[in-house]
Amino acid sequence: MSKLNVFVLSAALMAGSLPLAFSAHAADAPVAVPAPTSSSFEITEFHADYKPFKIGDIVPDLYRTKPYQIDAWQIRHLPAPEAGSHWTYMGGNYVLITDAEGKIVRAMKGEIFYGH
């Protein structure tokens, strides 16, 4: 065999064994677990009808009416509403409000619908 053929053959053998060597070391390395992304859609402030809102504010009566109430919260990937509250839609966001007074308890970006 010529020196060139031996060189090419040895280079090919070495290149073929490199992925095995790296995979053995990669298996020993700790695996990073991503943080939960469910809260990545949660917000504390938002705008609706050219007005800023934050957690604890009272929503206008319009958003407490049946057309704005979200009953199918599961298909929108929203958490279950707490007792005495329901989800509504304001300014492109999903907002959890109390049934009694319309106080904002929690808010999620509207992109949560597409984020899963």
PDB file of N, CA and C in Angstrom:
ATOM      1  N   MET A   1       0.839  -1.178   0.000  1.00  0.00           N
ATOM      2  CA  MET A   1       0.000   0.000   0.000  1.00  0.00           C
ATOM      3  C   MET A   1       0.883   1.239   0.000  1.00  0.00           C
ATOM      4  N   SER A   2       0.481   2.224  -0.728  1.00  0.00           N
ATOM      5  CA  SER A   2       1.284   3.435  -0.785  1.00  0.00           C
ATOM      6  C   SER A   2       1.088   4.248   0.492  1.00  0.00           C
ATOM      7  N   LYS A   3       2.023   5.141   0.750  1.00  0.00           N
ATOM      8  CA  LYS A   3       1.942   5.985   1.942  1.00  0.00           C
ATOM      9  C   LYS A   3       0.684   6.845   1.933  1.00  0.00           C
ATOM     10  N   LEU A   4       0.276   7.296   0.748  1.00  0.00           N
ATOM     11  CA  LEU A   4      -0.930   8.119   0.634  1.00  0.00           C
ATOM     12  C   LEU A   4      -2.164   7.319   1.022  1.00  0.00           C
ATOM     13  N   ASN A   5      -2.261   6.082   0.534  1.00  0.00           N
ATOM     14  CA  ASN A   5      -3.414   5.235   0.880  1.00  0.00           C
ATOM     15  C   ASN A   5      -3.455   4.946   2.374  1.00  0.00           C
ATOM     16  N   VAL A   6      -2.302   4.683   2.976  1.00  0.00           N
ATOM     17  CA  VAL A   6      -2.235   4.428   4.412  1.00  0.00           C
ATOM     18  C   VAL A   6      -2.672   5.666   5.184  1.00  0.00           C
ATOM     19  N   PHE A   7      -2.221   6.829   4.746  1.00  0.00           N
ATOM     20  CA  PHE A   7      -2.590   8.082   5.405  1.00  0.00           C
ATOM     21  C   PHE A   7      -4.091   8.319   5.321  1.00  0.00           C
ATOM     22  N   VAL A   8      -4.677   8.141   4.138  1.00  0.00           N
ATOM     23  CA  VAL A   8      -6.115   8.345   3.939  1.00  0.00           C
ATOM     24  C   VAL A   8      -6.912   7.353   4.775  1.00  0.00           C
ATOM     25  N   LEU A   9      -6.472   6.095   4.789  1.00  0.00           N
ATOM     26  CA  LEU A   9      -7.156   5.059   5.556  1.00  0.00           C
ATOM     27  C   LEU A   9      -7.098   5.357   7.048  1.00  0.00           C
ATOM     28  N   SER A  10      -5.957   5.756   7.553  1.00  0.00           N
ATOM     29  CA  SER A  10      -5.826   6.054   8.983  1.00  0.00           C
ATOM     30  C   SER A  10      -6.626   7.301   9.350  1.00  0.00           C
ATOM     31  N   ALA A  11      -6.661   8.282   8.462  1.00  0.00           N
ATOM     32  CA  ALA A  11      -7.452   9.490   8.724  1.00  0.00           C
ATOM     33  C   ALA A  11      -8.938   9.154   8.778  1.00  0.00           C
ATOM     34  N   ALA A  12      -9.393   8.284   7.882  1.00  0.00           N
ATOM     35  CA  ALA A  12     -10.800   7.885   7.863  1.00  0.00           C
ATOM     36  C   ALA A  12     -11.153   7.109   9.120  1.00  0.00           C
ATOM     37  N   LEU A  13     -10.264   6.229   9.558  1.00  0.00           N
ATOM     38  CA  LEU A  13     -10.522   5.470  10.789  1.00  0.00           C
ATOM     39  C   LEU A  13     -10.578   6.383  12.010  1.00  0.00           C
ATOM     40  N   MET A  14      -9.679   7.337  12.061  1.00  0.00           N
ATOM     41  CA  MET A  14      -9.665   8.274  13.193  1.00  0.00           C
ATOM     42  C   MET A  14     -10.918   9.145  13.191  1.00  0.00           C
ATOM     43  N   ALA A  15     -11.307   9.615  12.027  1.00  0.00           N
ATOM     44  CA  ALA A  15     -12.493  10.463  11.928  1.00  0.00           C
ATOM     45  C   ALA A  15     -13.742   9.686  12.315  1.00  0.00           C
ATOM     46  N   GLY A  16     -13.781   8.403  11.987  1.00  0.00           N
ATOM     47  CA  GLY A  16     -14.935   7.580  12.331  1.00  0.00           C
ATOM     48  C   GLY A  16     -15.036   7.305  13.815  1.00  0.00           C
ATOM     49  N   SER A  17     -13.901   7.301  14.519  1.00  0.00           N
ATOM     50  CA  SER A  17     -13.927   7.015  15.954  1.00  0.00           C
ATOM     51  C   SER A  17     -14.162   8.260  16.795  1.00  0.00           C
ATOM     52  N   LEU A  18     -13.986   9.445  16.230  1.00  0.00           N
ATOM     53  CA  LEU A  18     -14.193  10.675  16.994  1.00  0.00           C
ATOM     54  C   LEU A  18     -15.619  10.826  17.524  1.00  0.00           C
ATOM     55  N   PRO A  19     -16.652  10.603  16.704  1.00  0.00           N
ATOM     56  CA  PRO A  19     -18.006  10.729  17.252  1.00  0.00           C
ATOM     57  C   PRO A  19     -18.260   9.788  18.421  1.00  0.00           C
ATOM     58  N   LEU A  20     -17.657   8.587  18.381  1.00  0.00           N
ATOM     59  CA  LEU A  20     -17.829   7.657  19.497  1.00  0.00           C
ATOM     60  C   LEU A  20     -17.174   8.198  20.757  1.00  0.00           C
ATOM     61  N   ALA A  21     -16.014   8.786  20.608  1.00  0.00           N
ATOM     62  CA  ALA A  21     -15.323   9.340  21.771  1.00  0.00           C
ATOM     63  C   ALA A  21     -16.110  10.503  22.362  1.00  0.00           C
ATOM     64  N   PHE A  22     -16.631  11.369  21.505  1.00  0.00           N
ATOM     65  CA  PHE A  22     -17.391  12.501  22.003  1.00  0.00           C
ATOM     66  C   PHE A  22     -18.711  12.062  22.618  1.00  0.00           C
ATOM     67  N   SER A  23     -19.358  11.055  22.060  1.00  0.00           N
ATOM     68  CA  SER A  23     -20.633  10.617  22.613  1.00  0.00           C
ATOM     69  C   SER A  23     -20.440   9.973  23.969  1.00  0.00           C
ATOM     70  N   ALA A  24     -19.316   9.320  24.201  1.00  0.00           N
ATOM     71  CA  ALA A  24     -19.058   8.717  25.509  1.00  0.00           C
ATOM     72  C   ALA A  24     -18.908   9.807  26.559  1.00  0.00           C
ATOM     73  N   HIS A  25     -18.202  10.881  26.214  1.00  0.00           N
ATOM     74  CA  HIS A  25     -18.046  11.980  27.158  1.00  0.00           C
ATOM     75  C   HIS A  25     -19.344  12.750  27.336  1.00  0.00           C
ATOM     76  N   ALA A  26     -20.115  12.881  26.280  1.00  0.00           N
ATOM     77  CA  ALA A  26     -21.380  13.610  26.371  1.00  0.00           C
ATOM     78  C   ALA A  26     -22.363  12.885  27.274  1.00  0.00           C
ATOM     79  N   ALA A  27     -22.316  11.554  27.289  1.00  0.00           N
ATOM     80  CA  ALA A  27     -23.228  10.789  28.132  1.00  0.00           C
ATOM     81  C   ALA A  27     -22.908  11.005  29.607  1.00  0.00           C
ATOM     82  N   ASP A  28     -21.640  11.279  29.929  1.00  0.00           N
ATOM     83  CA  ASP A  28     -21.239  11.499  31.316  1.00  0.00           C
ATOM     84  C   ASP A  28     -21.551  12.911  31.787  1.00  0.00           C
ATOM     85  N   ALA A  29     -21.723  13.836  30.865  1.00  0.00           N
ATOM     86  CA  ALA A  29     -21.951  15.233  31.224  1.00  0.00           C
ATOM     87  C   ALA A  29     -23.348  15.411  31.803  1.00  0.00           C
ATOM     88  N   PRO A  30     -23.512  16.302  32.785  1.00  0.00           N
ATOM     89  CA  PRO A  30     -24.850  16.548  33.339  1.00  0.00           C
ATOM     90  C   PRO A  30     -25.753  17.184  32.283  1.00  0.00           C
ATOM     91  N   VAL A  31     -26.996  16.817  32.314  1.00  0.00           N
ATOM     92  CA  VAL A  31     -27.964  17.319  31.352  1.00  0.00           C
ATOM     93  C   VAL A  31     -28.711  18.488  31.988  1.00  0.00           C
ATOM     94  N   ALA A  32     -28.738  19.609  31.311  1.00  0.00           N
ATOM     95  CA  ALA A  32     -29.460  20.775  31.809  1.00  0.00           C
ATOM     96  C   ALA A  32     -30.943  20.592  31.538  1.00  0.00           C
ATOM     97  N   VAL A  33     -31.745  20.742  32.566  1.00  0.00           N
ATOM     98  CA  VAL A  33     -33.196  20.625  32.429  1.00  0.00           C
ATOM     99  C   VAL A  33     -33.757  22.025  32.275  1.00  0.00           C
ATOM    100  N   PRO A  34     -34.511  22.280  31.191  1.00  0.00           N
ATOM    101  CA  PRO A  34     -35.045  23.627  31.004  1.00  0.00           C
ATOM    102  C   PRO A  34     -36.046  23.977  32.091  1.00  0.00           C
ATOM    103  N   ALA A  35     -36.091  25.236  32.433  1.00  0.00           N
ATOM    104  CA  ALA A  35     -37.047  25.715  33.433  1.00  0.00           C
ATOM    105  C   ALA A  35     -38.457  25.630  32.868  1.00  0.00           C
ATOM    106  N   PRO A  36     -39.458  25.466  33.717  1.00  0.00           N
ATOM    107  CA  PRO A  36     -40.830  25.413  33.215  1.00  0.00           C
ATOM    108  C   PRO A  36     -41.186  26.706  32.491  1.00  0.00           C
ATOM    109  N   THR A  37     -41.873  26.562  31.360  1.00  0.00           N
ATOM    110  CA  THR A  37     -42.197  27.739  30.559  1.00  0.00           C
ATOM    111  C   THR A  37     -43.630  28.207  30.748  1.00  0.00           C
ATOM    112  N   SER A  38     -44.374  27.560  31.639  1.00  0.00           N
ATOM    113  CA  SER A  38     -45.773  27.932  31.803  1.00  0.00           C
ATOM    114  C   SER A  38     -45.918  29.379  32.262  1.00  0.00           C
ATOM    115  N   SER A  39     -44.965  29.888  33.056  1.00  0.00           N
ATOM    116  CA  SER A  39     -45.054  31.253  33.531  1.00  0.00           C
ATOM    117  C   SER A  39     -44.478  32.258  32.543  1.00  0.00           C
ATOM    118  N   SER A  40     -43.884  31.795  31.445  1.00  0.00           N
ATOM    119  CA  SER A  40     -43.293  32.726  30.486  1.00  0.00           C
ATOM    120  C   SER A  40     -44.363  33.586  29.814  1.00  0.00           C
ATOM    121  N   PHE A  41     -45.612  33.161  29.901  1.00  0.00           N
ATOM    122  CA  PHE A  41     -46.698  33.936  29.318  1.00  0.00           C
ATOM    123  C   PHE A  41     -47.373  34.840  30.350  1.00  0.00           C
ATOM    124  N   GLU A  42     -47.032  34.690  31.591  1.00  0.00           N
ATOM    125  CA  GLU A  42     -47.673  35.479  32.647  1.00  0.00           C
ATOM    126  C   GLU A  42     -47.155  36.910  32.628  1.00  0.00           C
ATOM    127  N   ILE A  43     -48.075  37.850  32.791  1.00  0.00           N
ATOM    128  CA  ILE A  43     -47.724  39.271  32.808  1.00  0.00           C
ATOM    129  C   ILE A  43     -48.358  39.922  34.036  1.00  0.00           C
ATOM    130  N   THR A  44     -47.805  41.042  34.443  1.00  0.00           N
ATOM    131  CA  THR A  44     -48.351  41.764  35.593  1.00  0.00           C
ATOM    132  C   THR A  44     -48.990  43.083  35.178  1.00  0.00           C
ATOM    133  N   GLU A  45     -48.683  43.542  33.970  1.00  0.00           N
ATOM    134  CA  GLU A  45     -49.251  44.789  33.446  1.00  0.00           C
ATOM    135  C   GLU A  45     -49.575  44.627  31.970  1.00  0.00           C
ATOM    136  N   PHE A  46     -50.602  45.334  31.509  1.00  0.00           N
ATOM    137  CA  PHE A  46     -50.986  45.290  30.103  1.00  0.00           C
ATOM    138  C   PHE A  46     -51.849  46.511  29.805  1.00  0.00           C
ATOM    139  N   HIS A  47     -52.133  46.747  28.535  1.00  0.00           N
ATOM    140  CA  HIS A  47     -52.994  47.846  28.109  1.00  0.00           C
ATOM    141  C   HIS A  47     -54.232  47.286  27.417  1.00  0.00           C
ATOM    142  N   ALA A  48     -55.350  47.917  27.671  1.00  0.00           N
ATOM    143  CA  ALA A  48     -56.605  47.608  26.979  1.00  0.00           C
ATOM    144  C   ALA A  48     -57.390  48.910  26.886  1.00  0.00           C
ATOM    145  N   ASP A  49     -57.946  49.162  25.730  1.00  0.00           N
ATOM    146  CA  ASP A  49     -58.698  50.400  25.498  1.00  0.00           C
ATOM    147  C   ASP A  49     -57.883  51.642  25.859  1.00  0.00           C
ATOM    148  N   TYR A  50     -56.613  51.634  25.472  1.00  0.00           N
ATOM    149  CA  TYR A  50     -55.697  52.766  25.676  1.00  0.00           C
ATOM    150  C   TYR A  50     -55.483  53.096  27.151  1.00  0.00           C
ATOM    151  N   LYS A  51     -55.705  52.124  28.017  1.00  0.00           N
ATOM    152  CA  LYS A  51     -55.543  52.342  29.449  1.00  0.00           C
ATOM    153  C   LYS A  51     -54.666  51.239  30.029  1.00  0.00           C
ATOM    154  N   PRO A  52     -53.728  51.601  30.914  1.00  0.00           N
ATOM    155  CA  PRO A  52     -52.905  50.562  31.541  1.00  0.00           C
ATOM    156  C   PRO A  52     -53.674  49.847  32.663  1.00  0.00           C
ATOM    157  N   PHE A  53     -53.443  48.544  32.784  1.00  0.00           N
ATOM    158  CA  PHE A  53     -54.026  47.746  33.847  1.00  0.00           C
ATOM    159  C   PHE A  53     -52.920  46.939  34.509  1.00  0.00           C
ATOM    160  N   LYS A  54     -53.113  46.610  35.775  1.00  0.00           N
ATOM    161  CA  LYS A  54     -52.171  45.754  36.493  1.00  0.00           C
ATOM    162  C   LYS A  54     -52.951  44.856  37.445  1.00  0.00           C
ATOM    163  N   ILE A  55     -52.276  43.875  37.999  1.00  0.00           N
ATOM    164  CA  ILE A  55     -52.895  42.964  38.947  1.00  0.00           C
ATOM    165  C   ILE A  55     -53.462  43.793  40.105  1.00  0.00           C
ATOM    166  N   GLY A  56     -54.708  43.494  40.467  1.00  0.00           N
ATOM    167  CA  GLY A  56     -55.362  44.219  41.562  1.00  0.00           C
ATOM    168  C   GLY A  56     -56.332  45.283  41.091  1.00  0.00           C
ATOM    169  N   ASP A  57     -56.210  45.720  39.819  1.00  0.00           N
ATOM    170  CA  ASP A  57     -57.142  46.721  39.283  1.00  0.00           C
ATOM    171  C   ASP A  57     -58.513  46.102  39.048  1.00  0.00           C
ATOM    172  N   ILE A  58     -59.525  46.945  38.985  1.00  0.00           N
ATOM    173  CA  ILE A  58     -60.889  46.526  38.656  1.00  0.00           C
ATOM    174  C   ILE A  58     -61.102  46.788  37.167  1.00  0.00           C
ATOM    175  N   VAL A  59     -61.619  45.783  36.449  1.00  0.00           N
ATOM    176  CA  VAL A  59     -61.829  45.925  35.010  1.00  0.00           C
ATOM    177  C   VAL A  59     -63.140  46.651  34.728  1.00  0.00           C
ATOM    178  N   PRO A  60     -63.265  47.309  33.575  1.00  0.00           N
ATOM    179  CA  PRO A  60     -64.531  47.936  33.200  1.00  0.00           C
ATOM    180  C   PRO A  60     -65.641  46.881  33.073  1.00  0.00           C
ATOM    181  N   ASP A  61     -66.867  47.303  33.276  1.00  0.00           N
ATOM    182  CA  ASP A  61     -68.016  46.397  33.254  1.00  0.00           C
ATOM    183  C   ASP A  61     -68.128  45.606  31.948  1.00  0.00           C
ATOM    184  N   LEU A  62     -67.726  46.200  30.837  1.00  0.00           N
ATOM    185  CA  LEU A  62     -67.800  45.524  29.546  1.00  0.00           C
ATOM    186  C   LEU A  62     -67.123  44.152  29.584  1.00  0.00           C
ATOM    187  N   TYR A  63     -65.959  44.078  30.220  1.00  0.00           N
ATOM    188  CA  TYR A  63     -65.190  42.833  30.244  1.00  0.00           C
ATOM    189  C   TYR A  63     -65.725  41.818  31.249  1.00  0.00           C
ATOM    190  N   ARG A  64     -66.770  42.192  31.963  1.00  0.00           N
ATOM    191  CA  ARG A  64     -67.413  41.274  32.902  1.00  0.00           C
ATOM    192  C   ARG A  64     -68.675  40.658  32.298  1.00  0.00           C
ATOM    193  N   THR A  65     -68.976  41.007  31.043  1.00  0.00           N
ATOM    194  CA  THR A  65     -70.177  40.489  30.382  1.00  0.00           C
ATOM    195  C   THR A  65     -69.907  39.116  29.773  1.00  0.00           C
ATOM    196  N   LYS A  66     -70.967  38.402  29.489  1.00  0.00           N
ATOM    197  CA  LYS A  66     -70.888  37.031  28.968  1.00  0.00           C
ATOM    198  C   LYS A  66     -70.092  36.925  27.652  1.00  0.00           C
ATOM    199  N   PRO A  67     -70.228  37.865  26.697  1.00  0.00           N
ATOM    200  CA  PRO A  67     -69.448  37.730  25.453  1.00  0.00           C
ATOM    201  C   PRO A  67     -67.933  37.714  25.667  1.00  0.00           C
ATOM    202  N   TYR A  68     -67.444  38.320  26.725  1.00  0.00           N
ATOM    203  CA  TYR A  68     -66.006  38.353  26.993  1.00  0.00           C
ATOM    204  C   TYR A  68     -65.547  37.214  27.898  1.00  0.00           C
ATOM    205  N   GLN A  69     -66.481  36.545  28.559  1.00  0.00           N
ATOM    206  CA  GLN A  69     -66.129  35.463  29.470  1.00  0.00           C
ATOM    207  C   GLN A  69     -65.616  34.259  28.688  1.00  0.00           C
ATOM    208  N   ILE A  70     -64.518  33.677  29.139  1.00  0.00           N
ATOM    209  CA  ILE A  70     -63.914  32.527  28.473  1.00  0.00           C
ATOM    210  C   ILE A  70     -64.228  31.281  29.298  1.00  0.00           C
ATOM    211  N   ASP A  71     -65.097  30.443  28.737  1.00  0.00           N
ATOM    212  CA  ASP A  71     -65.452  29.188  29.405  1.00  0.00           C
ATOM    213  C   ASP A  71     -64.533  28.048  28.979  1.00  0.00           C
ATOM    214  N   ALA A  72     -64.064  28.082  27.754  1.00  0.00           N
ATOM    215  CA  ALA A  72     -63.190  27.022  27.224  1.00  0.00           C
ATOM    216  C   ALA A  72     -61.728  27.381  27.459  1.00  0.00           C
ATOM    217  N   TRP A  73     -61.350  27.546  28.703  1.00  0.00           N
ATOM    218  CA  TRP A  73     -59.987  27.963  29.045  1.00  0.00           C
ATOM    219  C   TRP A  73     -58.966  26.866  28.745  1.00  0.00           C
ATOM    220  N   GLN A  74     -59.395  25.598  28.752  1.00  0.00           N
ATOM    221  CA  GLN A  74     -58.454  24.502  28.500  1.00  0.00           C
ATOM    222  C   GLN A  74     -57.858  24.569  27.096  1.00  0.00           C
ATOM    223  N   ILE A  75     -58.675  24.836  26.088  1.00  0.00           N
ATOM    224  CA  ILE A  75     -58.155  24.853  24.714  1.00  0.00           C
ATOM    225  C   ILE A  75     -57.259  26.054  24.451  1.00  0.00           C
ATOM    226  N   ARG A  76     -57.305  27.036  25.331  1.00  0.00           N
ATOM    227  CA  ARG A  76     -56.419  28.201  25.210  1.00  0.00           C
ATOM    228  C   ARG A  76     -55.163  28.042  26.062  1.00  0.00           C
ATOM    229  N   HIS A  77     -54.999  26.861  26.662  1.00  0.00           N
ATOM    230  CA  HIS A  77     -53.837  26.534  27.482  1.00  0.00           C
ATOM    231  C   HIS A  77     -53.737  27.410  28.723  1.00  0.00           C
ATOM    232  N   LEU A  78     -54.872  27.841  29.241  1.00  0.00           N
ATOM    233  CA  LEU A  78     -54.907  28.648  30.451  1.00  0.00           C
ATOM    234  C   LEU A  78     -55.070  27.746  31.670  1.00  0.00           C
ATOM    235  N   PRO A  79     -54.533  28.161  32.803  1.00  0.00           N
ATOM    236  CA  PRO A  79     -54.754  27.390  34.024  1.00  0.00           C
ATOM    237  C   PRO A  79     -56.230  27.472  34.432  1.00  0.00           C
ATOM    238  N   ALA A  80     -56.670  26.507  35.209  1.00  0.00           N
ATOM    239  CA  ALA A  80     -58.059  26.511  35.680  1.00  0.00           C
ATOM    240  C   ALA A  80     -58.311  27.758  36.518  1.00  0.00           C
ATOM    241  N   PRO A  81     -59.462  28.390  36.317  1.00  0.00           N
ATOM    242  CA  PRO A  81     -59.760  29.572  37.132  1.00  0.00           C
ATOM    243  C   PRO A  81     -59.969  29.174  38.589  1.00  0.00           C
ATOM    244  N   GLU A  82     -59.562  30.045  39.463  1.00  0.00           N
ATOM    245  CA  GLU A  82     -59.763  29.806  40.892  1.00  0.00           C
ATOM    246  C   GLU A  82     -61.247  29.923  41.202  1.00  0.00           C
ATOM    247  N   ALA A  83     -61.662  29.386  42.322  1.00  0.00           N
ATOM    248  CA  ALA A  83     -63.063  29.476  42.735  1.00  0.00           C
ATOM    249  C   ALA A  83     -63.464  30.946  42.847  1.00  0.00           C
ATOM    250  N   GLY A  84     -64.624  31.274  42.297  1.00  0.00           N
ATOM    251  CA  GLY A  84     -65.113  32.652  42.354  1.00  0.00           C
ATOM    252  C   GLY A  84     -64.469  33.581  41.348  1.00  0.00           C
ATOM    253  N   SER A  85     -63.872  33.011  40.294  1.00  0.00           N
ATOM    254  CA  SER A  85     -63.244  33.838  39.264  1.00  0.00           C
ATOM    255  C   SER A  85     -63.469  33.204  37.902  1.00  0.00           C
ATOM    256  N   HIS A  86     -63.179  33.968  36.847  1.00  0.00           N
ATOM    257  CA  HIS A  86     -63.265  33.453  35.477  1.00  0.00           C
ATOM    258  C   HIS A  86     -62.304  34.235  34.592  1.00  0.00           C
ATOM    259  N   TRP A  87     -61.973  33.630  33.445  1.00  0.00           N
ATOM    260  CA  TRP A  87     -61.096  34.268  32.471  1.00  0.00           C
ATOM    261  C   TRP A  87     -61.914  35.160  31.549  1.00  0.00           C
ATOM    262  N   THR A  88     -61.325  36.285  31.187  1.00  0.00           N
ATOM    263  CA  THR A  88     -61.908  37.198  30.209  1.00  0.00           C
ATOM    264  C   THR A  88     -60.804  37.603  29.234  1.00  0.00           C
ATOM    265  N   TYR A  89     -61.177  38.300  28.171  1.00  0.00           N
ATOM    266  CA  TYR A  89     -60.219  38.690  27.144  1.00  0.00           C
ATOM    267  C   TYR A  89     -60.172  40.212  27.081  1.00  0.00           C
ATOM    268  N   MET A  90     -58.976  40.775  27.293  1.00  0.00           N
ATOM    269  CA  MET A  90     -58.804  42.229  27.297  1.00  0.00           C
ATOM    270  C   MET A  90     -57.544  42.617  26.546  1.00  0.00           C
ATOM    271  N   GLY A  91     -57.671  43.438  25.543  1.00  0.00           N
ATOM    272  CA  GLY A  91     -56.508  43.989  24.860  1.00  0.00           C
ATOM    273  C   GLY A  91     -55.531  42.944  24.344  1.00  0.00           C
ATOM    274  N   GLY A  92     -56.044  41.809  23.883  1.00  0.00           N
ATOM    275  CA  GLY A  92     -55.179  40.760  23.362  1.00  0.00           C
ATOM    276  C   GLY A  92     -54.596  39.848  24.421  1.00  0.00           C
ATOM    277  N   ASN A  93     -55.025  40.007  25.663  1.00  0.00           N
ATOM    278  CA  ASN A  93     -54.527  39.202  26.770  1.00  0.00           C
ATOM    279  C   ASN A  93     -55.674  38.474  27.458  1.00  0.00           C
ATOM    280  N   TYR A  94     -55.335  37.376  28.115  1.00  0.00           N
ATOM    281  CA  TYR A  94     -56.307  36.651  28.922  1.00  0.00           C
ATOM    282  C   TYR A  94     -56.147  37.117  30.358  1.00  0.00           C
ATOM    283  N   VAL A  95     -57.258  37.492  30.970  1.00  0.00           N
ATOM    284  CA  VAL A  95     -57.211  38.089  32.297  1.00  0.00           C
ATOM    285  C   VAL A  95     -58.165  37.326  33.216  1.00  0.00           C
ATOM    286  N   LEU A  96     -57.647  36.868  34.349  1.00  0.00           N
ATOM    287  CA  LEU A  96     -58.456  36.188  35.351  1.00  0.00           C
ATOM    288  C   LEU A  96     -59.001  37.245  36.302  1.00  0.00           C
ATOM    289  N   ILE A  97     -60.318  37.329  36.403  1.00  0.00           N
ATOM    290  CA  ILE A  97     -60.947  38.339  37.260  1.00  0.00           C
ATOM    291  C   ILE A  97     -61.901  37.666  38.247  1.00  0.00           C
ATOM    292  N   THR A  98     -62.143  38.348  39.350  1.00  0.00           N
ATOM    293  CA  THR A  98     -63.090  37.826  40.329  1.00  0.00           C
ATOM    294  C   THR A  98     -64.505  38.033  39.813  1.00  0.00           C
ATOM    295  N   ASP A  99     -65.381  37.080  40.128  1.00  0.00           N
ATOM    296  CA  ASP A  99     -66.772  37.176  39.695  1.00  0.00           C
ATOM    297  C   ASP A  99     -67.483  38.331  40.384  1.00  0.00           C
ATOM    298  N   ALA A 100     -67.203  38.542  41.650  1.00  0.00           N
ATOM    299  CA  ALA A 100     -67.940  39.525  42.444  1.00  0.00           C
ATOM    300  C   ALA A 100     -67.651  40.970  42.053  1.00  0.00           C
ATOM    301  N   GLU A 101     -66.377  41.324  41.926  1.00  0.00           N
ATOM    302  CA  GLU A 101     -66.056  42.734  41.691  1.00  0.00           C
ATOM    303  C   GLU A 101     -65.271  43.023  40.420  1.00  0.00           C
ATOM    304  N   GLY A 102     -64.822  41.993  39.715  1.00  0.00           N
ATOM    305  CA  GLY A 102     -64.049  42.209  38.493  1.00  0.00           C
ATOM    306  C   GLY A 102     -62.612  42.611  38.750  1.00  0.00           C
ATOM    307  N   LYS A 103     -62.065  42.187  39.877  1.00  0.00           N
ATOM    308  CA  LYS A 103     -60.685  42.506  40.240  1.00  0.00           C
ATOM    309  C   LYS A 103     -59.739  41.556  39.501  1.00  0.00           C
ATOM    310  N   ILE A 104     -58.666  42.108  38.927  1.00  0.00           N
ATOM    311  CA  ILE A 104     -57.691  41.313  38.184  1.00  0.00           C
ATOM    312  C   ILE A 104     -56.853  40.499  39.170  1.00  0.00           C
ATOM    313  N   VAL A 105     -56.887  39.178  38.974  1.00  0.00           N
ATOM    314  CA  VAL A 105     -56.134  38.262  39.824  1.00  0.00           C
ATOM    315  C   VAL A 105     -54.852  37.812  39.133  1.00  0.00           C
ATOM    316  N   ARG A 106     -54.952  37.614  37.818  1.00  0.00           N
ATOM    317  CA  ARG A 106     -53.829  37.079  37.042  1.00  0.00           C
ATOM    318  C   ARG A 106     -54.008  37.486  35.589  1.00  0.00           C
ATOM    319  N   ALA A 107     -52.917  37.580  34.839  1.00  0.00           N
ATOM    320  CA  ALA A 107     -52.996  37.915  33.415  1.00  0.00           C
ATOM    321  C   ALA A 107     -51.968  37.107  32.639  1.00  0.00           C
ATOM    322  N   MET A 108     -52.365  36.674  31.438  1.00  0.00           N
ATOM    323  CA  MET A 108     -51.499  35.889  30.567  1.00  0.00           C
ATOM    324  C   MET A 108     -51.495  36.521  29.181  1.00  0.00           C
ATOM    325  N   LYS A 109     -50.329  36.510  28.534  1.00  0.00           N
ATOM    326  CA  LYS A 109     -50.233  37.004  27.158  1.00  0.00           C
ATOM    327  C   LYS A 109     -51.141  36.170  26.244  1.00  0.00           C
ATOM    328  N   GLY A 110     -51.707  36.807  25.257  1.00  0.00           N
ATOM    329  CA  GLY A 110     -52.573  36.098  24.308  1.00  0.00           C
ATOM    330  C   GLY A 110     -51.842  35.030  23.523  1.00  0.00           C
ATOM    331  N   GLU A 111     -50.500  35.129  23.420  1.00  0.00           N
ATOM    332  CA  GLU A 111     -49.727  34.149  22.675  1.00  0.00           C
ATOM    333  C   GLU A 111     -49.731  32.763  23.325  1.00  0.00           C
ATOM    334  N   ILE A 112     -50.219  32.656  24.564  1.00  0.00           N
ATOM    335  CA  ILE A 112     -50.268  31.349  25.210  1.00  0.00           C
ATOM    336  C   ILE A 112     -51.101  30.370  24.384  1.00  0.00           C
ATOM    337  N   PHE A 113     -52.070  30.884  23.658  1.00  0.00           N
ATOM    338  CA  PHE A 113     -52.929  30.035  22.820  1.00  0.00           C
ATOM    339  C   PHE A 113     -52.096  29.288  21.787  1.00  0.00           C
ATOM    340  N   TYR A 114     -51.069  29.948  21.256  1.00  0.00           N
ATOM    341  CA  TYR A 114     -50.233  29.360  20.199  1.00  0.00           C
ATOM    342  C   TYR A 114     -48.923  28.799  20.735  1.00  0.00           C
ATOM    343  N   GLY A 115     -48.633  29.043  21.994  1.00  0.00           N
ATOM    344  CA  GLY A 115     -47.330  28.695  22.546  1.00  0.00           C
ATOM    345  C   GLY A 115     -47.126  27.255  22.932  1.00  0.00           C
ATOM    346  N   HIS A 116     -48.109  26.417  22.777  1.00  0.00           N
ATOM    347  CA  HIS A 116     -47.971  25.011  23.199  1.00  0.00           C
ATOM    348  C   HIS A 116     -48.091  24.081  22.026  1.00  0.00           C
TER     349      HIS A 116
END
